[in-house]
């Protein structure tokens, strides 16, 4: 039996489903959505990364993965904050007589080097994909800052600053991977070569800056003057610089330059400039006006897919035909393994050790239970409320002070009808150590996008940390609680105790955490499908209704409900029940969204009834995933501390 030859990398291509999987893996915890567009582009204001779907059958898997790595680097190391700084820089560049699009070319080129370096430093295994991406010097940036005459031969008559940024990219590729040997083009004109030679050291310094502000400062002081000279060498009225024009290449009278009515009035209207766009990865080959329309369409498509219960991700259209599929060799396992190796180490949840995780989170737990020096811990508060600050083992109640001698202003008519009852005879004042009962429930989203089973995911890591903090706080305070997981089905992991312990709080010295390793292993092994949080919420409300005291339901999710109408109905019903309950017995839902559209998430968890927001629920979008455990821990603390 002869051994088959290994699959050639050059002949491996993604289909839409495979590319969606690769994109999710690479983007990880980044709150962005991958959608088809006209060309590679990162739009921070809408948390979108666009990719040209036509390349699925043109670029092999290594180049496609390299491009997504590049986009992820832009989102992670530039983001909305960096795009705002670039917008300010573009305005300052106008002092050198540069238009915003021309200055943007320089920023995009150098920022590519910067974010690529940072990505490679964080994920060194991704080098093989970057090397594949730059093996053919890809045109990631649209050079559309000039209105060029039709029929102009750009190979012979390239604008000097276009040749300059291309030369910078080529020199950067050669310095990183000299074995690629990409120097196939003739040397750029003398002025361009001199500019590259004079500024290359400063370009390297700018690309080596971890902070984008430092990069922009270096470009402004050391590179921008030389770059502006090249831009001004291009005469839009005579792109041939006095050379004889080829027959049929006579420029149109109306084509040179940019018409006044189409000139951008504000740099924030440009792709890659300002909060509305941010630094675009390669910009786009689509004009700004068309690009804005495209962005609205893609954002609307996300909303339509969410309302239909679909997962945010790729819109699968324009897939290869059946004949093309037969001619495309499957993606080999080595690509997937390389993707796994190129990311951070993942936790093996099939062998999860709960006690070890508790030990790693000991400082955060201790800060909440024992206090942080600025305020007392919850243990002291609960101990005082349960057993009394002045009389040990006495269940403290409200105190009544003596007669006030003041008229009861809520019932002034009693002065005439019943003078003996017209004066206040004492007011019940809540004692600091008054009794309070509590109950807590946490709902954990384990849908496919949250868990990404088999691949490293920061979302699930933070979800587990949040659940551990929730469990440990409630167990150490002897507060009844439950833990529920949900996707398309609802799974109870820890149920409310039938007879919750009212024993005196155990000190940290005497406390030994219970081992819940099996619960978190089960959490990872569950079926990970859609986001049906309405069913989980209904079940949790029913369970909490059997508990006494101030009841809180914490929802952690990364998607919009697959049944928004039922979710709204559940929240409205809960609000009505709260109106008929005392303040000490009310129930509230606090939802935390990870990687979701803020407006849609708030609409789901802060619905309005008769024009007013419901008081029984609130929704918070967690933009920084690392802060999820902190936000939930603080929410639990405040519900107990200020009750």
Foldseek 3Di string as FASTA:
>chain_A
DDDDDDDDQQQAFDFQVRLQLLLLQLLFQALAFEEADQDFKQFQLLRYTYHHPVCRLPGGPLQSSLSSNLNSLCCVQQHLVNQAVLQVLLVVLCVLVDHSLLVLLVLLLLQSLQSVVVLCVQQVLSVSSNLSNPLAPDLLADSPQWQAFPPDDCLVQPQLLVLLSSVLNVVSSCVVCVVSVNPPRPDDDPLSVVLCVQCVVLSVVLSNDSHVVSNSVSCVPRRSNSSSVSNVVQDQVCSPVPDDDDPPRDGDPPRGGDDPVPRDPGSCLAACHHSRHNHIRNGGNDGSVVVVVVVVVVSVVQVVCQQQQHDRHYDNDPTDDPVSVVSRDHDDVVVVVSSQSRHDDADDLLQDWLQVLCVVCVVVLCCQQQHDVPDGHLLVLLLCLCQNDPHGNDNDDWDKDAWPQAFPVVCCVCVPVPVVPRGGGTDTHGDSNHHFAEEEEEEEEQACSQQVPPHHHVNVVLSVSLVSSVVSNCVQSQHFYWYWYDFPDIDTLGAGDPDGDSDRGDDPVPDDDDTSSVSSSVSNVDHHHHHAVLVVLVVVVVRLLVDFWEYEYEYEEAGAHNCLVSLVVSLVVLLVVQVVDDPGGHYAYEYEYRSDDVVRQQCSFFPDDPNHTRPRTGYYYDNDSVCVSVVSSVVVSCSSNVD
